PDB file of N, CA and C in Angstrom:
ATOM      1  N   MET A   1       4.259  -2.889   9.615  1.00  0.00           N
ATOM      2  CA  MET A   1       3.307  -3.840   9.289  1.00  0.00           C
ATOM      3  C   MET A   1       3.520  -4.359   7.888  1.00  0.00           C
ATOM      4  N   PRO A   2       3.543  -5.668   7.743  1.00  0.00           N
ATOM      5  CA  PRO A   2       3.692  -6.240   6.429  1.00  0.00           C
ATOM      6  C   PRO A   2       2.319  -6.071   5.561  1.00  0.00           C
ATOM      7  N   VAL A   3       2.333  -6.121   4.289  1.00  0.00           N
ATOM      8  CA  VAL A   3       1.277  -5.870   3.508  1.00  0.00           C
ATOM      9  C   VAL A   3       0.669  -7.424   3.620  1.00  0.00           C
ATOM     10  N   LEU A   4      -0.659  -7.383   3.792  1.00  0.00           N
ATOM     11  CA  LEU A   4      -1.412  -8.653   3.922  1.00  0.00           C
ATOM     12  C   LEU A   4      -1.541  -9.373   2.501  1.00  0.00           C
ATOM     13  N   SER A   5      -1.441 -10.600   2.511  1.00  0.00           N
ATOM     14  CA  SER A   5      -1.582 -11.401   1.185  1.00  0.00           C
ATOM     15  C   SER A   5      -2.863 -11.157   0.445  1.00  0.00           C
ATOM     16  N   SER A   6      -3.894 -10.679   1.061  1.00  0.00           N
ATOM     17  CA  SER A   6      -5.196 -10.279   0.423  1.00  0.00           C
ATOM     18  C   SER A   6      -5.056  -8.854  -0.296  1.00  0.00           C
ATOM     19  N   GLU A   7      -4.369  -7.923   0.428  1.00  0.00           N
ATOM     20  CA  GLU A   7      -4.037  -6.599  -0.102  1.00  0.00           C
ATOM     21  C   GLU A   7      -3.059  -6.613  -1.219  1.00  0.00           C
ATOM     22  N   HIS A   8      -2.135  -7.711  -1.116  1.00  0.00           N
ATOM     23  CA  HIS A   8      -1.145  -7.616  -2.265  1.00  0.00           C
ATOM     24  C   HIS A   8      -1.811  -8.306  -3.483  1.00  0.00           C
ATOM     25  N   SER A   9      -2.645  -9.231  -3.197  1.00  0.00           N
ATOM     26  CA  SER A   9      -3.600  -9.736  -4.348  1.00  0.00           C
ATOM     27  C   SER A   9      -4.391  -8.674  -4.986  1.00  0.00           C
ATOM     28  N   ASP A  10      -5.147  -7.884  -4.161  1.00  0.00           N
ATOM     29  CA  ASP A  10      -6.024  -6.843  -4.599  1.00  0.00           C
ATOM     30  C   ASP A  10      -5.084  -5.842  -5.469  1.00  0.00           C
ATOM     31  N   PHE A  11      -3.937  -5.545  -4.933  1.00  0.00           N
ATOM     32  CA  PHE A  11      -2.953  -4.601  -5.527  1.00  0.00           C
ATOM     33  C   PHE A  11      -2.536  -5.205  -7.102  1.00  0.00           C
ATOM     34  N   ARG A  12      -2.111  -6.402  -7.049  1.00  0.00           N
ATOM     35  CA  ARG A  12      -1.720  -7.006  -8.310  1.00  0.00           C
ATOM     36  C   ARG A  12      -2.954  -7.076  -9.351  1.00  0.00           C
ATOM     37  N   ASN A  13      -4.060  -7.468  -8.741  1.00  0.00           N
ATOM     38  CA  ASN A  13      -5.275  -7.444  -9.720  1.00  0.00           C
ATOM     39  C   ASN A  13      -5.609  -6.077 -10.288  1.00  0.00           C
ATOM     40  N   LEU A  14      -5.370  -5.101  -9.426  1.00  0.00           N
ATOM     41  CA  LEU A  14      -5.810  -3.691  -9.808  1.00  0.00           C
ATOM     42  C   LEU A  14      -4.833  -3.092 -10.920  1.00  0.00           C
ATOM     43  N   VAL A  15      -3.528  -3.374 -10.670  1.00  0.00           N
ATOM     44  CA  VAL A  15      -2.535  -2.768 -11.552  1.00  0.00           C
ATOM     45  C   VAL A  15      -2.698  -3.563 -12.894  1.00  0.00           C
ATOM     46  N   GLN A  16      -2.957  -4.841 -12.869  1.00  0.00           N
ATOM     47  CA  GLN A  16      -3.154  -5.399 -14.192  1.00  0.00           C
ATOM     48  C   GLN A  16      -4.322  -5.014 -14.824  1.00  0.00           C
ATOM     49  N   ARG A  17      -5.403  -4.901 -14.143  1.00  0.00           N
ATOM     50  CA  ARG A  17      -6.792  -4.378 -14.662  1.00  0.00           C
ATOM     51  C   ARG A  17      -6.592  -3.022 -15.354  1.00  0.00           C
ATOM     52  N   LEU A  18      -5.781  -2.195 -14.824  1.00  0.00           N
ATOM     53  CA  LEU A  18      -5.576  -0.942 -15.231  1.00  0.00           C
ATOM     54  C   LEU A  18      -4.407  -0.829 -16.325  1.00  0.00           C
ATOM     55  N   GLY A  19      -3.912  -1.950 -16.754  1.00  0.00           N
ATOM     56  CA  GLY A  19      -2.920  -1.951 -17.863  1.00  0.00           C
ATOM     57  C   GLY A  19      -1.548  -1.835 -17.461  1.00  0.00           C
ATOM     58  N   HIS A  20      -1.255  -2.079 -16.310  1.00  0.00           N
ATOM     59  CA  HIS A  20       0.218  -2.000 -15.801  1.00  0.00           C
ATOM     60  C   HIS A  20       0.642  -3.357 -15.347  1.00  0.00           C
ATOM     61  N   GLU A  21       1.912  -3.439 -15.077  1.00  0.00           N
ATOM     62  CA  GLU A  21       2.560  -4.643 -14.531  1.00  0.00           C
ATOM     63  C   GLU A  21       2.834  -4.471 -13.010  1.00  0.00           C
ATOM     64  N   GLU A  22       2.871  -5.527 -12.291  1.00  0.00           N
ATOM     65  CA  GLU A  22       3.178  -5.331 -10.877  1.00  0.00           C
ATOM     66  C   GLU A  22       4.669  -4.886 -10.743  1.00  0.00           C
ATOM     67  N   THR A  23       5.410  -5.067 -11.645  1.00  0.00           N
ATOM     68  CA  THR A  23       6.964  -4.674 -11.571  1.00  0.00           C
ATOM     69  C   THR A  23       6.950  -3.202 -11.836  1.00  0.00           C
ATOM     70  N   ASP A  24       5.962  -2.492 -12.129  1.00  0.00           N
ATOM     71  CA  ASP A  24       5.937  -1.085 -12.577  1.00  0.00           C
ATOM     72  C   ASP A  24       6.053  -0.297 -11.238  1.00  0.00           C
ATOM     73  N   PHE A  25       5.706  -0.971 -10.125  1.00  0.00           N
ATOM     74  CA  PHE A  25       5.726  -0.152  -8.797  1.00  0.00           C
ATOM     75  C   PHE A  25       6.634  -1.090  -7.837  1.00  0.00           C
ATOM     76  N   VAL A  26       7.056  -0.171  -6.899  1.00  0.00           N
ATOM     77  CA  VAL A  26       7.832  -0.888  -5.705  1.00  0.00           C
ATOM     78  C   VAL A  26       7.060  -0.558  -4.357  1.00  0.00           C
ATOM     79  N   ILE A  27       6.687  -1.505  -3.612  1.00  0.00           N
ATOM     80  CA  ILE A  27       5.975  -1.335  -2.396  1.00  0.00           C
ATOM     81  C   ILE A  27       6.917  -1.611  -1.245  1.00  0.00           C
ATOM     82  N   VAL A  28       6.976  -0.545  -0.337  1.00  0.00           N
ATOM     83  CA  VAL A  28       7.610  -0.659   0.967  1.00  0.00           C
ATOM     84  C   VAL A  28       6.691  -0.519   2.060  1.00  0.00           C
ATOM     85  N   ALA A  29       6.475  -1.345   2.889  1.00  0.00           N
ATOM     86  CA  ALA A  29       5.640  -1.289   4.208  1.00  0.00           C
ATOM     87  C   ALA A  29       6.460  -1.199   5.490  1.00  0.00           C
ATOM     88  N   GLU A  30       6.004  -0.213   6.192  1.00  0.00           N
ATOM     89  CA  GLU A  30       6.671   0.121   7.542  1.00  0.00           C
ATOM     90  C   GLU A  30       5.657   0.140   8.598  1.00  0.00           C
ATOM     91  N   SER A  31       5.955  -0.616   9.848  1.00  0.00           N
ATOM     92  CA  SER A  31       5.184  -0.406  11.059  1.00  0.00           C
ATOM     93  C   SER A  31       5.354   1.032  11.644  1.00  0.00           C
ATOM     94  N   GLU A  32       4.284   1.521  12.083  1.00  0.00           N
ATOM     95  CA  GLU A  32       4.455   2.858  12.851  1.00  0.00           C
ATOM     96  C   GLU A  32       4.095   2.840  14.271  1.00  0.00           C
ATOM     97  N   ASP A  33       3.345   1.884  14.654  1.00  0.00           N
ATOM     98  CA  ASP A  33       2.969   1.788  16.085  1.00  0.00           C
ATOM     99  C   ASP A  33       3.484   0.451  16.712  1.00  0.00           C
ATOM    100  N   PRO A  34       4.614   0.518  17.477  1.00  0.00           N
ATOM    101  CA  PRO A  34       5.021  -0.608  18.158  1.00  0.00           C
ATOM    102  C   PRO A  34       3.934  -1.307  19.024  1.00  0.00           C
ATOM    103  N   VAL A  35       3.877  -2.555  19.174  1.00  0.00           N
ATOM    104  CA  VAL A  35       2.842  -3.188  19.997  1.00  0.00           C
ATOM    105  C   VAL A  35       3.347  -3.117  21.426  1.00  0.00           C
ATOM    106  N   PRO A  36       2.484  -2.565  22.281  1.00  0.00           N
ATOM    107  CA  PRO A  36       3.020  -2.362  23.779  1.00  0.00           C
ATOM    108  C   PRO A  36       3.215  -3.723  24.347  1.00  0.00           C
ATOM    109  N   ALA A  37       4.203  -3.800  25.221  1.00  0.00           N
ATOM    110  CA  ALA A  37       4.579  -4.907  25.906  1.00  0.00           C
ATOM    111  C   ALA A  37       3.493  -5.544  26.727  1.00  0.00           C
ATOM    112  N   GLY A  38       3.152  -6.801  26.535  1.00  0.00           N
ATOM    113  CA  GLY A  38       2.038  -7.341  27.392  1.00  0.00           C
ATOM    114  C   GLY A  38       0.586  -7.185  26.653  1.00  0.00           C
ATOM    115  N   ALA A  39       0.502  -6.579  25.564  1.00  0.00           N
ATOM    116  CA  ALA A  39      -0.678  -6.291  24.853  1.00  0.00           C
ATOM    117  C   ALA A  39      -1.296  -7.632  24.305  1.00  0.00           C
ATOM    118  N   VAL A  40      -2.400  -8.037  24.739  1.00  0.00           N
ATOM    119  CA  VAL A  40      -3.051  -9.233  24.074  1.00  0.00           C
ATOM    120  C   VAL A  40      -3.560  -8.981  22.704  1.00  0.00           C
ATOM    121  N   THR A  41      -4.314  -7.831  22.526  1.00  0.00           N
ATOM    122  CA  THR A  41      -4.559  -7.486  21.135  1.00  0.00           C
ATOM    123  C   THR A  41      -4.424  -6.001  21.048  1.00  0.00           C
ATOM    124  N   TYR A  42      -3.891  -5.676  19.770  1.00  0.00           N
ATOM    125  CA  TYR A  42      -3.556  -4.328  19.715  1.00  0.00           C
ATOM    126  C   TYR A  42      -3.683  -3.969  18.052  1.00  0.00           C
ATOM    127  N   PRO A  43      -4.426  -2.990  17.698  1.00  0.00           N
ATOM    128  CA  PRO A  43      -4.562  -2.665  16.275  1.00  0.00           C
ATOM    129  C   PRO A  43      -3.344  -2.196  15.751  1.00  0.00           C
ATOM    130  N   GLU A  44      -2.539  -2.876  14.826  1.00  0.00           N
ATOM    131  CA  GLU A  44      -1.432  -2.490  14.274  1.00  0.00           C
ATOM    132  C   GLU A  44      -1.585  -1.532  13.056  1.00  0.00           C
ATOM    133  N   HIS A  45      -0.929  -0.571  12.897  1.00  0.00           N
ATOM    134  CA  HIS A  45      -1.028   0.462  11.781  1.00  0.00           C
ATOM    135  C   HIS A  45       0.379   0.699  11.244  1.00  0.00           C
ATOM    136  N   GLY A  46       0.502   1.270  10.061  1.00  0.00           N
ATOM    137  CA  GLY A  46       1.711   1.513   9.476  1.00  0.00           C
ATOM    138  C   GLY A  46       1.466   2.408   8.108  1.00  0.00           C
ATOM    139  N   THR A  47       2.467   2.263   7.392  1.00  0.00           N
ATOM    140  CA  THR A  47       2.505   3.104   6.084  1.00  0.00           C
ATOM    141  C   THR A  47       2.940   2.253   5.051  1.00  0.00           C
ATOM    142  N   VAL A  48       2.213   2.176   3.880  1.00  0.00           N
ATOM    143  CA  VAL A  48       2.706   1.711   2.552  1.00  0.00           C
ATOM    144  C   VAL A  48       3.096   2.721   1.656  1.00  0.00           C
ATOM    145  N   THR A  49       4.340   2.716   1.223  1.00  0.00           N
ATOM    146  CA  THR A  49       4.762   3.683   0.356  1.00  0.00           C
ATOM    147  C   THR A  49       4.999   2.964  -0.971  1.00  0.00           C
ATOM    148  N   ILE A  50       4.279   3.496  -2.175  1.00  0.00           N
ATOM    149  CA  ILE A  50       4.342   2.913  -3.477  1.00  0.00           C
ATOM    150  C   ILE A  50       5.107   3.967  -4.345  1.00  0.00           C
ATOM    151  N   ARG A  51       6.168   3.355  -5.057  1.00  0.00           N
ATOM    152  CA  ARG A  51       7.017   4.200  -5.870  1.00  0.00           C
ATOM    153  C   ARG A  51       6.807   3.632  -7.336  1.00  0.00           C
ATOM    154  N   CYS A  52       6.533   4.572  -8.333  1.00  0.00           N
ATOM    155  CA  CYS A  52       6.458   4.138  -9.716  1.00  0.00           C
ATOM    156  C   CYS A  52       7.907   4.113 -10.209  1.00  0.00           C
ATOM    157  N   VAL A  53       8.226   2.921 -10.703  1.00  0.00           N
ATOM    158  CA  VAL A  53       9.737   2.714 -11.206  1.00  0.00           C
ATOM    159  C   VAL A  53      10.001   3.645 -12.318  1.00  0.00           C
ATOM    160  N   LYS A  54       9.124   3.837 -13.209  1.00  0.00           N
ATOM    161  CA  LYS A  54       9.459   4.716 -14.378  1.00  0.00           C
ATOM    162  C   LYS A  54       9.639   6.142 -14.099  1.00  0.00           C
ATOM    163  N   THR A  55       8.734   6.767 -13.252  1.00  0.00           N
ATOM    164  CA  THR A  55       8.798   8.194 -12.871  1.00  0.00           C
ATOM    165  C   THR A  55       9.393   8.549 -11.602  1.00  0.00           C
ATOM    166  N   GLN A  56       9.578   7.455 -10.694  1.00  0.00           N
ATOM    167  CA  GLN A  56      10.146   7.651  -9.381  1.00  0.00           C
ATOM    168  C   GLN A  56       9.177   8.380  -8.522  1.00  0.00           C
ATOM    169  N   VAL A  57       7.955   8.640  -8.847  1.00  0.00           N
ATOM    170  CA  VAL A  57       6.913   9.418  -8.048  1.00  0.00           C
ATOM    171  C   VAL A  57       6.520   8.313  -6.811  1.00  0.00           C
ATOM    172  N   GLU A  58       6.561   8.823  -5.639  1.00  0.00           N
ATOM    173  CA  GLU A  58       6.189   8.080  -4.608  1.00  0.00           C
ATOM    174  C   GLU A  58       4.813   8.591  -3.826  1.00  0.00           C
ATOM    175  N   ARG A  59       3.948   7.802  -3.364  1.00  0.00           N
ATOM    176  CA  ARG A  59       2.806   8.153  -2.637  1.00  0.00           C
ATOM    177  C   ARG A  59       2.810   7.235  -1.342  1.00  0.00           C
ATOM    178  N   ALA A  60       2.400   7.808  -0.335  1.00  0.00           N
ATOM    179  CA  ALA A  60       2.293   6.935   0.930  1.00  0.00           C
ATOM    180  C   ALA A  60       0.949   6.817   1.439  1.00  0.00           C
ATOM    181  N   TYR A  61       0.591   5.643   1.934  1.00  0.00           N
ATOM    182  CA  TYR A  61      -0.845   5.312   2.407  1.00  0.00           C
ATOM    183  C   TYR A  61      -0.821   4.741   3.848  1.00  0.00           C
ATOM    184  N   ARG A  62      -1.813   5.113   4.545  1.00  0.00           N
ATOM    185  CA  ARG A  62      -1.941   4.444   5.933  1.00  0.00           C
ATOM    186  C   ARG A  62      -2.412   3.085   5.730  1.00  0.00           C
ATOM    187  N   THR A  63      -1.900   2.120   6.715  1.00  0.00           N
ATOM    188  CA  THR A  63      -2.351   0.695   6.548  1.00  0.00           C
ATOM    189  C   THR A  63      -2.841   0.348   7.921  1.00  0.00           C
ATOM    190  N   GLY A  64      -3.622  -0.709   8.066  1.00  0.00           N
ATOM    191  CA  GLY A  64      -4.123  -1.236   9.252  1.00  0.00           C
ATOM    192  C   GLY A  64      -5.575  -1.293   9.359  1.00  0.00           C
ATOM    193  N   MET A  65      -6.176  -1.593  10.547  1.00  0.00           N
ATOM    194  CA  MET A  65      -7.554  -1.598  10.617  1.00  0.00           C
ATOM    195  C   MET A  65      -8.296  -0.372  10.211  1.00  0.00           C
ATOM    196  N   GLY A  66      -9.396  -0.462   9.442  1.00  0.00           N
ATOM    197  CA  GLY A  66     -10.077   0.616   9.058  1.00  0.00           C
ATOM    198  C   GLY A  66      -9.515   1.490   7.801  1.00  0.00           C
ATOM    199  N   THR A  67      -8.414   0.943   7.276  1.00  0.00           N
ATOM    200  CA  THR A  67      -7.802   1.716   6.059  1.00  0.00           C
ATOM    201  C   THR A  67      -8.098   1.010   4.789  1.00  0.00           C
ATOM    202  N   HIS A  68      -8.010   1.703   3.699  1.00  0.00           N
ATOM    203  CA  HIS A  68      -8.238   1.058   2.455  1.00  0.00           C
ATOM    204  C   HIS A  68      -7.140   1.529   1.398  1.00  0.00           C
ATOM    205  N   TRP A  69      -5.887   1.349   1.639  1.00  0.00           N
ATOM    206  CA  TRP A  69      -4.807   1.899   0.980  1.00  0.00           C
ATOM    207  C   TRP A  69      -4.854   1.429  -0.505  1.00  0.00           C
ATOM    208  N   VAL A  70      -5.369   0.290  -0.956  1.00  0.00           N
ATOM    209  CA  VAL A  70      -5.376  -0.264  -2.313  1.00  0.00           C
ATOM    210  C   VAL A  70      -6.438   0.732  -2.959  1.00  0.00           C
ATOM    211  N   GLY A  71      -7.621   0.966  -2.414  1.00  0.00           N
ATOM    212  CA  GLY A  71      -8.462   1.850  -3.011  1.00  0.00           C
ATOM    213  C   GLY A  71      -8.000   3.255  -3.173  1.00  0.00           C
ATOM    214  N   GLU A  72      -7.257   3.726  -2.251  1.00  0.00           N
ATOM    215  CA  GLU A  72      -6.723   5.122  -2.412  1.00  0.00           C
ATOM    216  C   GLU A  72      -5.538   5.128  -3.469  1.00  0.00           C
ATOM    217  N   PHE A  73      -4.834   4.053  -3.469  1.00  0.00           N
ATOM    218  CA  PHE A  73      -3.812   3.912  -4.608  1.00  0.00           C
ATOM    219  C   PHE A  73      -4.503   3.991  -5.922  1.00  0.00           C
ATOM    220  N   GLU A  74      -5.663   3.321  -6.122  1.00  0.00           N
ATOM    221  CA  GLU A  74      -6.396   3.208  -7.296  1.00  0.00           C
ATOM    222  C   GLU A  74      -6.845   4.568  -7.786  1.00  0.00           C
ATOM    223  N   GLN A  75      -7.344   5.380  -6.920  1.00  0.00           N
ATOM    224  CA  GLN A  75      -7.855   6.748  -7.100  1.00  0.00           C
ATOM    225  C   GLN A  75      -6.578   7.667  -7.569  1.00  0.00           C
ATOM    226  N   ASP A  76      -5.543   7.428  -6.972  1.00  0.00           N
ATOM    227  CA  ASP A  76      -4.238   8.185  -7.232  1.00  0.00           C
ATOM    228  C   ASP A  76      -3.616   7.887  -8.673  1.00  0.00           C
ATOM    229  N   LEU A  77      -3.845   6.439  -8.976  1.00  0.00           N
ATOM    230  CA  LEU A  77      -3.416   5.982 -10.318  1.00  0.00           C
ATOM    231  C   LEU A  77      -4.269   6.501 -11.390  1.00  0.00           C
ATOM    232  N   LEU A  78      -5.526   6.444 -11.157  1.00  0.00           N
ATOM    233  CA  LEU A  78      -6.565   6.921 -12.150  1.00  0.00           C
ATOM    234  C   LEU A  78      -6.549   8.525 -12.287  1.00  0.00           C
ATOM    235  N   GLN A  79      -5.999   9.185 -11.302  1.00  0.00           N
ATOM    236  CA  GLN A  79      -5.834  10.621 -11.417  1.00  0.00           C
ATOM    237  C   GLN A  79      -4.461  11.083 -11.822  1.00  0.00           C
ATOM    238  N   ASN A  80      -3.751  10.007 -12.360  1.00  0.00           N
ATOM    239  CA  ASN A  80      -2.334  10.248 -13.005  1.00  0.00           C
ATOM    240  C   ASN A  80      -1.442  10.948 -12.022  1.00  0.00           C
ATOM    241  N   LYS A  81      -1.511  10.567 -10.715  1.00  0.00           N
ATOM    242  CA  LYS A  81      -0.714  11.188  -9.706  1.00  0.00           C
ATOM    243  C   LYS A  81       0.901  10.538  -9.685  1.00  0.00           C
ATOM    244  N   PHE A  82       0.940   9.521 -10.400  1.00  0.00           N
ATOM    245  CA  PHE A  82       2.244   8.885 -10.595  1.00  0.00           C
ATOM    246  C   PHE A  82       3.115   9.096 -11.703  1.00  0.00           C
ATOM    247  N   ARG A  83       2.580  10.206 -12.353  1.00  0.00           N
ATOM    248  CA  ARG A  83       3.275  10.754 -13.724  1.00  0.00           C
ATOM    249  C   ARG A  83       4.264  11.808 -13.281  1.00  0.00           C
TER     250      ARG A  83
END
């Protein structure tokens, strides 16, 4: 599942607010749940993996309806989990 533009904007604003550059991190988004054939509506979920360019530390977050990966990333960043 691709990163929504609103999530990407939230991510960009967050890293800048915390004194980082967007280019300090690499984001890779992957779908996990294929949409069943014939489904009219289906809640898509996936994973966003964020890697710190400097340290190469990666953290993965669930995406999709009901998830808050940007907030989880913020907590990890504030707790120095990317060092």
